[in-house]
């Protein structure tokens, strides 16, 4: 990417000038593990993903059926609200947009939001038009390997930015829930775990929408 050896700050300034690094973020080569609560133990023999709410028909996939759905691979820049960013991350999984486009999921006309329900009662909320973009994925693999338990195995939502910034909108990484077990389509919004705790409801990294009410803590 660079023609000479730069220090970290110089690299970040150069990348920011290329419009890939949101304000207030720092690049990392690592993949920090951050989540609230315990890491759940999952038995794939009893695992399922439930799609419910404002849909024409409720859908439940077990692990075998889920892995027969159309597969998608994405390369994304991901941005965490805790101020780190990681570029060119490779993901594989199932595109929610594809599931809707191909009729596997049929939202009702009034559906405007999707609540991601995860293990141990964790939730995060997202506008429907955000998760129906190409830069949102129900991911099973990272960097060519199944997700590690700490990063959400066996299934997590992931949202990021394309290296060329061609997406219409993005969000901080917490808007993709780890250990995903349900997708609830709703006509009205419902704040998720971190949103109720004061995190910004929209979470646009380019606008530094970290916390609601302008709070920084």
C-alpha atoms as a PDB file:
ATOM      1  CA  UNK A   1       0.000   0.000   0.000  1.00  0.00           C
ATOM      2  CA  UNK A   2       2.873   2.381   0.810  1.00  0.00           C
ATOM      3  CA  UNK A   3       6.025   3.123  -1.195  1.00  0.00           C
ATOM      4  CA  UNK A   4       8.236   3.642   1.844  1.00  0.00           C
ATOM      5  CA  UNK A   5       8.373   2.615   5.463  1.00  0.00           C
ATOM      6  CA  UNK A   6       6.107   4.826   7.547  1.00  0.00           C
ATOM      7  CA  UNK A   7       5.565   4.952  11.265  1.00  0.00           C
ATOM      8  CA  UNK A   8       2.183   3.936  12.622  1.00  0.00           C
ATOM      9  CA  UNK A   9       0.822   7.476  12.812  1.00  0.00           C
ATOM     10  CA  UNK A  10       2.037   8.289   9.308  1.00  0.00           C
ATOM     11  CA  UNK A  11       0.433   5.107   7.988  1.00  0.00           C
ATOM     12  CA  UNK A  12      -2.869   5.960   9.634  1.00  0.00           C
ATOM     13  CA  UNK A  13      -2.763   9.510   8.301  1.00  0.00           C
ATOM     14  CA  UNK A  14      -2.096   8.170   4.797  1.00  0.00           C
ATOM     15  CA  UNK A  15      -4.915   5.617   5.015  1.00  0.00           C
ATOM     16  CA  UNK A  16      -7.298   8.217   6.434  1.00  0.00           C
ATOM     17  CA  UNK A  17      -6.486  10.336   3.416  1.00  0.00           C
ATOM     18  CA  UNK A  18      -7.534   7.373   1.253  1.00  0.00           C
ATOM     19  CA  UNK A  19     -10.911   7.436   3.088  1.00  0.00           C
ATOM     20  CA  UNK A  20     -10.654   3.963   4.603  1.00  0.00           C
ATOM     21  CA  UNK A  21     -10.004   4.792   8.253  1.00  0.00           C
ATOM     22  CA  UNK A  22     -12.879   6.497  10.108  1.00  0.00           C
ATOM     23  CA  UNK A  23     -12.107   9.399  12.441  1.00  0.00           C
ATOM     24  CA  UNK A  24     -10.906   8.429  15.900  1.00  0.00           C
ATOM     25  CA  UNK A  25      -9.841   4.919  14.828  1.00  0.00           C
ATOM     26  CA  UNK A  26      -6.411   3.231  14.914  1.00  0.00           C
ATOM     27  CA  UNK A  27      -5.311   0.325  12.746  1.00  0.00           C
ATOM     28  CA  UNK A  28      -4.491  -3.064  14.237  1.00  0.00           C
ATOM     29  CA  UNK A  29      -3.192  -6.336  12.809  1.00  0.00           C
ATOM     30  CA  UNK A  30      -4.719  -8.219  15.748  1.00  0.00           C
ATOM     31  CA  UNK A  31      -8.360  -9.173  16.250  1.00  0.00           C
ATOM     32  CA  UNK A  32      -9.241  -8.130  19.820  1.00  0.00           C
ATOM     33  CA  UNK A  33     -11.839 -10.196  21.676  1.00  0.00           C
ATOM     34  CA  UNK A  34     -14.519  -8.015  23.231  1.00  0.00           C
ATOM     35  CA  UNK A  35     -17.958  -9.001  24.492  1.00  0.00           C
ATOM     36  CA  UNK A  36     -20.157  -8.788  27.548  1.00  0.00           C
ATOM     37  CA  UNK A  37     -20.848 -11.815  29.705  1.00  0.00           C
ATOM     38  CA  UNK A  38     -19.728 -15.445  29.501  1.00  0.00           C
ATOM     39  CA  UNK A  39     -18.634 -17.299  26.379  1.00  0.00           C
ATOM     40  CA  UNK A  40     -21.438 -19.807  25.720  1.00  0.00           C
ATOM     41  CA  UNK A  41     -20.982 -23.486  25.011  1.00  0.00           C
ATOM     42  CA  UNK A  42     -22.898 -24.517  21.892  1.00  0.00           C
ATOM     43  CA  UNK A  43     -24.014 -27.992  20.889  1.00  0.00           C
ATOM     44  CA  UNK A  44     -24.463 -28.114  17.108  1.00  0.00           C
ATOM     45  CA  UNK A  45     -26.784 -31.085  17.507  1.00  0.00           C
ATOM     46  CA  UNK A  46     -29.359 -28.825  19.158  1.00  0.00           C
ATOM     47  CA  UNK A  47     -28.406 -25.478  17.587  1.00  0.00           C
ATOM     48  CA  UNK A  48     -30.919 -23.680  15.376  1.00  0.00           C
ATOM     49  CA  UNK A  49     -31.537 -20.244  13.905  1.00  0.00           C
ATOM     50  CA  UNK A  50     -35.072 -18.905  14.154  1.00  0.00           C
ATOM     51  CA  UNK A  51     -36.478 -16.210  11.845  1.00  0.00           C
ATOM     52  CA  UNK A  52     -39.708 -14.753  13.210  1.00  0.00           C
ATOM     53  CA  UNK A  53     -41.823 -11.664  13.751  1.00  0.00           C
ATOM     54  CA  UNK A  54     -42.994  -9.581  10.784  1.00  0.00           C
ATOM     55  CA  UNK A  55     -42.380 -12.313   8.195  1.00  0.00           C
ATOM     56  CA  UNK A  56     -44.879 -14.163   6.043  1.00  0.00           C
ATOM     57  CA  UNK A  57     -43.747 -17.485   7.498  1.00  0.00           C
ATOM     58  CA  UNK A  58     -41.526 -18.296  10.450  1.00  0.00           C
ATOM     59  CA  UNK A  59     -38.395 -20.232   9.496  1.00  0.00           C
ATOM     60  CA  UNK A  60     -36.159 -22.412  11.658  1.00  0.00           C
ATOM     61  CA  UNK A  61     -32.914 -23.894  10.318  1.00  0.00           C
ATOM     62  CA  UNK A  62     -30.802 -26.448  12.132  1.00  0.00           C
ATOM     63  CA  UNK A  63     -27.030 -26.380  11.558  1.00  0.00           C
ATOM     64  CA  UNK A  64     -27.123 -28.797   8.627  1.00  0.00           C
ATOM     65  CA  UNK A  65     -29.937 -26.933   6.868  1.00  0.00           C
ATOM     66  CA  UNK A  66     -28.344 -23.544   7.464  1.00  0.00           C
ATOM     67  CA  UNK A  67     -25.124 -24.674   5.832  1.00  0.00           C
ATOM     68  CA  UNK A  68     -27.032 -25.696   2.698  1.00  0.00           C
ATOM     69  CA  UNK A  69     -28.167 -22.106   2.115  1.00  0.00           C
ATOM     70  CA  UNK A  70     -26.406 -20.031  -0.578  1.00  0.00           C
ATOM     71  CA  UNK A  71     -22.889 -19.079   0.526  1.00  0.00           C
ATOM     72  CA  UNK A  72     -21.172 -15.702   0.215  1.00  0.00           C
ATOM     73  CA  UNK A  73     -17.590 -14.530   0.731  1.00  0.00           C
ATOM     74  CA  UNK A  74     -16.749 -10.921   1.633  1.00  0.00           C
ATOM     75  CA  UNK A  75     -13.648  -8.845   2.255  1.00  0.00           C
ATOM     76  CA  UNK A  76     -14.402  -6.049   4.695  1.00  0.00           C
ATOM     77  CA  UNK A  77     -12.734  -3.370   6.769  1.00  0.00           C
ATOM     78  CA  UNK A  78     -14.169  -3.681  10.281  1.00  0.00           C
ATOM     79  CA  UNK A  79     -14.373  -0.883  12.835  1.00  0.00           C
ATOM     80  CA  UNK A  80     -14.899  -1.353  16.573  1.00  0.00           C
ATOM     81  CA  UNK A  81     -16.442   1.302  18.794  1.00  0.00           C
ATOM     82  CA  UNK A  82     -13.449   0.842  21.132  1.00  0.00           C
ATOM     83  CA  UNK A  83     -11.407   2.650  18.446  1.00  0.00           C
ATOM     84  CA  UNK A  84      -9.590  -0.132  16.602  1.00  0.00           C
ATOM     85  CA  UNK A  85     -10.014  -0.941  12.918  1.00  0.00           C
ATOM     86  CA  UNK A  86      -8.819  -3.962  10.973  1.00  0.00           C
ATOM     87  CA  UNK A  87      -8.537  -3.902   7.195  1.00  0.00           C
ATOM     88  CA  UNK A  88      -9.091  -6.571   4.521  1.00  0.00           C
ATOM     89  CA  UNK A  89     -10.751  -9.166   6.743  1.00  0.00           C
ATOM     90  CA  UNK A  90     -12.101 -12.227   4.918  1.00  0.00           C
ATOM     91  CA  UNK A  91     -15.481 -13.664   5.890  1.00  0.00           C
ATOM     92  CA  UNK A  92     -17.693 -16.465   4.628  1.00  0.00           C
ATOM     93  CA  UNK A  93     -21.290 -17.218   5.459  1.00  0.00           C
ATOM     94  CA  UNK A  94     -24.839 -16.500   4.361  1.00  0.00           C
ATOM     95  CA  UNK A  95     -26.026 -13.125   3.063  1.00  0.00           C
ATOM     96  CA  UNK A  96     -29.302 -11.988   4.592  1.00  0.00           C
ATOM     97  CA  UNK A  97     -29.909  -9.979   1.431  1.00  0.00           C
ATOM     98  CA  UNK A  98     -29.633 -13.165  -0.637  1.00  0.00           C
ATOM     99  CA  UNK A  99     -32.053 -14.988   1.661  1.00  0.00           C
ATOM    100  CA  UNK A 100     -34.636 -12.235   1.142  1.00  0.00           C
ATOM    101  CA  UNK A 101     -33.958 -11.804  -2.579  1.00  0.00           C
ATOM    102  CA  UNK A 102     -34.315 -15.545  -3.197  1.00  0.00           C
ATOM    103  CA  UNK A 103     -37.416 -15.955  -1.046  1.00  0.00           C
ATOM    104  CA  UNK A 104     -35.984 -17.987   1.827  1.00  0.00           C
ATOM    105  CA  UNK A 105     -37.181 -15.166   4.109  1.00  0.00           C
ATOM    106  CA  UNK A 106     -40.236 -13.092   3.217  1.00  0.00           C
ATOM    107  CA  UNK A 107     -40.516  -9.917   5.316  1.00  0.00           C
ATOM    108  CA  UNK A 108     -43.950  -8.396   5.623  1.00  0.00           C
ATOM    109  CA  UNK A 109     -44.385  -4.893   4.139  1.00  0.00           C
ATOM    110  CA  UNK A 110     -44.391  -3.323   7.594  1.00  0.00           C
ATOM    111  CA  UNK A 111     -40.996  -4.807   8.566  1.00  0.00           C
ATOM    112  CA  UNK A 112     -38.470  -2.007   9.080  1.00  0.00           C
ATOM    113  CA  UNK A 113     -36.057  -3.397  11.698  1.00  0.00           C
ATOM    114  CA  UNK A 114     -34.260  -6.624  12.563  1.00  0.00           C
ATOM    115  CA  UNK A 115     -33.349  -7.561  16.125  1.00  0.00           C
ATOM    116  CA  UNK A 116     -30.465 -10.029  16.361  1.00  0.00           C
ATOM    117  CA  UNK A 117     -31.079 -12.423  19.262  1.00  0.00           C
ATOM    118  CA  UNK A 118     -27.971 -14.135  20.581  1.00  0.00           C
ATOM    119  CA  UNK A 119     -27.036 -16.607  23.310  1.00  0.00           C
ATOM    120  CA  UNK A 120     -27.369 -15.547  26.976  1.00  0.00           C
ATOM    121  CA  UNK A 121     -30.118 -13.071  26.098  1.00  0.00           C
ATOM    122  CA  UNK A 122     -27.917 -10.564  24.246  1.00  0.00           C
ATOM    123  CA  UNK A 123     -29.569  -8.510  21.483  1.00  0.00           C
ATOM    124  CA  UNK A 124     -28.633  -5.771  19.041  1.00  0.00           C
ATOM    125  CA  UNK A 125     -30.975  -3.832  16.776  1.00  0.00           C
ATOM    126  CA  UNK A 126     -30.480  -2.814  13.158  1.00  0.00           C
ATOM    127  CA  UNK A 127     -32.592  -1.140  10.475  1.00  0.00           C
ATOM    128  CA  UNK A 128     -33.745  -3.619   7.861  1.00  0.00           C
ATOM    129  CA  UNK A 129     -32.223  -1.592   5.036  1.00  0.00           C
ATOM    130  CA  UNK A 130     -28.823  -1.811   6.742  1.00  0.00           C
ATOM    131  CA  UNK A 131     -28.729  -5.599   7.120  1.00  0.00           C
ATOM    132  CA  UNK A 132     -30.067  -6.079   3.587  1.00  0.00           C
ATOM    133  CA  UNK A 133     -26.922  -4.476   2.187  1.00  0.00           C
ATOM    134  CA  UNK A 134     -24.091  -6.505   0.693  1.00  0.00           C
ATOM    135  CA  UNK A 135     -21.758  -5.556   3.563  1.00  0.00           C
ATOM    136  CA  UNK A 136     -23.738  -7.469   6.211  1.00  0.00           C
ATOM    137  CA  UNK A 137     -23.190 -11.213   6.581  1.00  0.00           C
ATOM    138  CA  UNK A 138     -24.323 -14.080   8.764  1.00  0.00           C
ATOM    139  CA  UNK A 139     -20.790 -15.394   9.121  1.00  0.00           C
ATOM    140  CA  UNK A 140     -19.585 -18.902   9.906  1.00  0.00           C
ATOM    141  CA  UNK A 141     -15.936 -18.489   8.813  1.00  0.00           C
ATOM    142  CA  UNK A 142     -13.173 -15.919   9.277  1.00  0.00           C
ATOM    143  CA  UNK A 143      -9.889 -15.966   7.357  1.00  0.00           C
ATOM    144  CA  UNK A 144     -10.771 -19.281   5.720  1.00  0.00           C
ATOM    145  CA  UNK A 145     -11.476 -21.111   8.997  1.00  0.00           C
ATOM    146  CA  UNK A 146     -14.558 -21.641  11.167  1.00  0.00           C
ATOM    147  CA  UNK A 147     -15.088 -18.852  13.661  1.00  0.00           C
ATOM    148  CA  UNK A 148     -13.383 -19.321  16.988  1.00  0.00           C
ATOM    149  CA  UNK A 149     -15.644 -19.562  20.004  1.00  0.00           C
ATOM    150  CA  UNK A 150     -14.465 -16.179  21.295  1.00  0.00           C
ATOM    151  CA  UNK A 151     -15.406 -14.516  17.997  1.00  0.00           C
ATOM    152  CA  UNK A 152     -18.917 -15.934  17.896  1.00  0.00           C
ATOM    153  CA  UNK A 153     -18.770 -19.582  16.758  1.00  0.00           C
ATOM    154  CA  UNK A 154     -20.788 -21.067  15.228  1.00  0.00           C
ATOM    155  CA  UNK A 155     -22.606 -18.010  13.793  1.00  0.00           C
ATOM    156  CA  UNK A 156     -22.339 -14.261  14.121  1.00  0.00           C
ATOM    157  CA  UNK A 157     -23.500 -11.190  12.303  1.00  0.00           C
ATOM    158  CA  UNK A 158     -20.741  -9.056  10.831  1.00  0.00           C
ATOM    159  CA  UNK A 159     -20.912  -5.625   9.250  1.00  0.00           C
ATOM    160  CA  UNK A 160     -18.083  -3.590   7.801  1.00  0.00           C
ATOM    161  CA  UNK A 161     -16.987  -1.372   4.946  1.00  0.00           C
ATOM    162  CA  UNK A 162     -15.697  -2.429   1.559  1.00  0.00           C
ATOM    163  CA  UNK A 163     -12.105  -1.345   0.859  1.00  0.00           C
ATOM    164  CA  UNK A 164     -13.413   0.933  -1.907  1.00  0.00           C
ATOM    165  CA  UNK A 165     -16.165   2.328   0.380  1.00  0.00           C
ATOM    166  CA  UNK A 166     -18.836   1.372  -2.152  1.00  0.00           C
ATOM    167  CA  UNK A 167     -21.418   0.462   0.504  1.00  0.00           C
ATOM    168  CA  UNK A 168     -24.239   2.915   1.167  1.00  0.00           C
ATOM    169  CA  UNK A 169     -23.884   2.698   4.935  1.00  0.00           C
ATOM    170  CA  UNK A 170     -21.912   0.848   7.561  1.00  0.00           C
ATOM    171  CA  UNK A 171     -21.837   0.500  11.356  1.00  0.00           C
ATOM    172  CA  UNK A 172     -19.495  -0.304  14.189  1.00  0.00           C
ATOM    173  CA  UNK A 173     -18.809  -4.009  14.630  1.00  0.00           C
ATOM    174  CA  UNK A 174     -21.060  -4.453  17.677  1.00  0.00           C
ATOM    175  CA  UNK A 175     -24.064  -4.183  15.318  1.00  0.00           C
ATOM    176  CA  UNK A 176     -23.274  -7.765  14.303  1.00  0.00           C
ATOM    177  CA  UNK A 177     -24.185 -10.054  17.201  1.00  0.00           C
ATOM    178  CA  UNK A 178     -21.980 -12.991  18.241  1.00  0.00           C
ATOM    179  CA  UNK A 179     -23.472 -16.467  18.906  1.00  0.00           C
ATOM    180  CA  UNK A 180     -26.527 -15.605  16.833  1.00  0.00           C
ATOM    181  CA  UNK A 181     -29.696 -17.641  17.388  1.00  0.00           C
ATOM    182  CA  UNK A 182     -32.588 -15.549  16.085  1.00  0.00           C
ATOM    183  CA  UNK A 183     -33.602 -12.796  13.675  1.00  0.00           C
ATOM    184  CA  UNK A 184     -36.739 -10.919  14.674  1.00  0.00           C
ATOM    185  CA  UNK A 185     -38.288  -8.718  11.982  1.00  0.00           C
ATOM    186  CA  UNK A 186     -40.252  -5.809  13.445  1.00  0.00           C
ATOM    187  CA  UNK A 187     -42.261  -2.786  12.351  1.00  0.00           C
ATOM    188  CA  UNK A 188     -40.913  -0.772  15.288  1.00  0.00           C
ATOM    189  CA  UNK A 189     -37.408  -0.420  16.671  1.00  0.00           C
ATOM    190  CA  UNK A 190     -36.361  -2.011  19.962  1.00  0.00           C
ATOM    191  CA  UNK A 191     -33.071  -1.058  21.586  1.00  0.00           C
ATOM    192  CA  UNK A 192     -30.536  -3.845  22.065  1.00  0.00           C
ATOM    193  CA  UNK A 193     -28.230  -4.533  25.002  1.00  0.00           C
ATOM    194  CA  UNK A 194     -25.566  -1.903  24.334  1.00  0.00           C
ATOM    195  CA  UNK A 195     -28.061   0.564  22.913  1.00  0.00           C
ATOM    196  CA  UNK A 196     -29.996   0.478  26.204  1.00  0.00           C
ATOM    197  CA  UNK A 197     -26.688   1.082  27.998  1.00  0.00           C
ATOM    198  CA  UNK A 198     -26.124   4.339  26.118  1.00  0.00           C
ATOM    199  CA  UNK A 199     -24.462   3.328  22.858  1.00  0.00           C
ATOM    200  CA  UNK A 200     -25.636   5.139  19.734  1.00  0.00           C
ATOM    201  CA  UNK A 201     -28.593   3.554  17.982  1.00  0.00           C
ATOM    202  CA  UNK A 202     -27.239   3.975  14.435  1.00  0.00           C
ATOM    203  CA  UNK A 203     -23.493   3.526  15.118  1.00  0.00           C
ATOM    204  CA  UNK A 204     -22.110   5.008  11.895  1.00  0.00           C
ATOM    205  CA  UNK A 205     -18.288   4.957  12.259  1.00  0.00           C
ATOM    206  CA  UNK A 206     -17.812   7.748   9.706  1.00  0.00           C
ATOM    207  CA  UNK A 207     -19.947  10.024  11.888  1.00  0.00           C
ATOM    208  CA  UNK A 208     -18.335   8.761  15.137  1.00  0.00           C
ATOM    209  CA  UNK A 209     -21.746   7.730  16.425  1.00  0.00           C
ATOM    210  CA  UNK A 210     -20.357   5.903  19.432  1.00  0.00           C
ATOM    211  CA  UNK A 211     -22.674   6.939  22.246  1.00  0.00           C
ATOM    212  CA  UNK A 212     -26.097   8.538  22.444  1.00  0.00           C
ATOM    213  CA  UNK A 213     -26.501  12.056  23.736  1.00  0.00           C
ATOM    214  CA  UNK A 214     -22.883  12.844  22.941  1.00  0.00           C
ATOM    215  CA  UNK A 215     -21.656  10.853  25.964  1.00  0.00           C
ATOM    216  CA  UNK A 216     -18.075   9.615  25.947  1.00  0.00           C
ATOM    217  CA  UNK A 217     -17.130   7.134  28.639  1.00  0.00           C
END
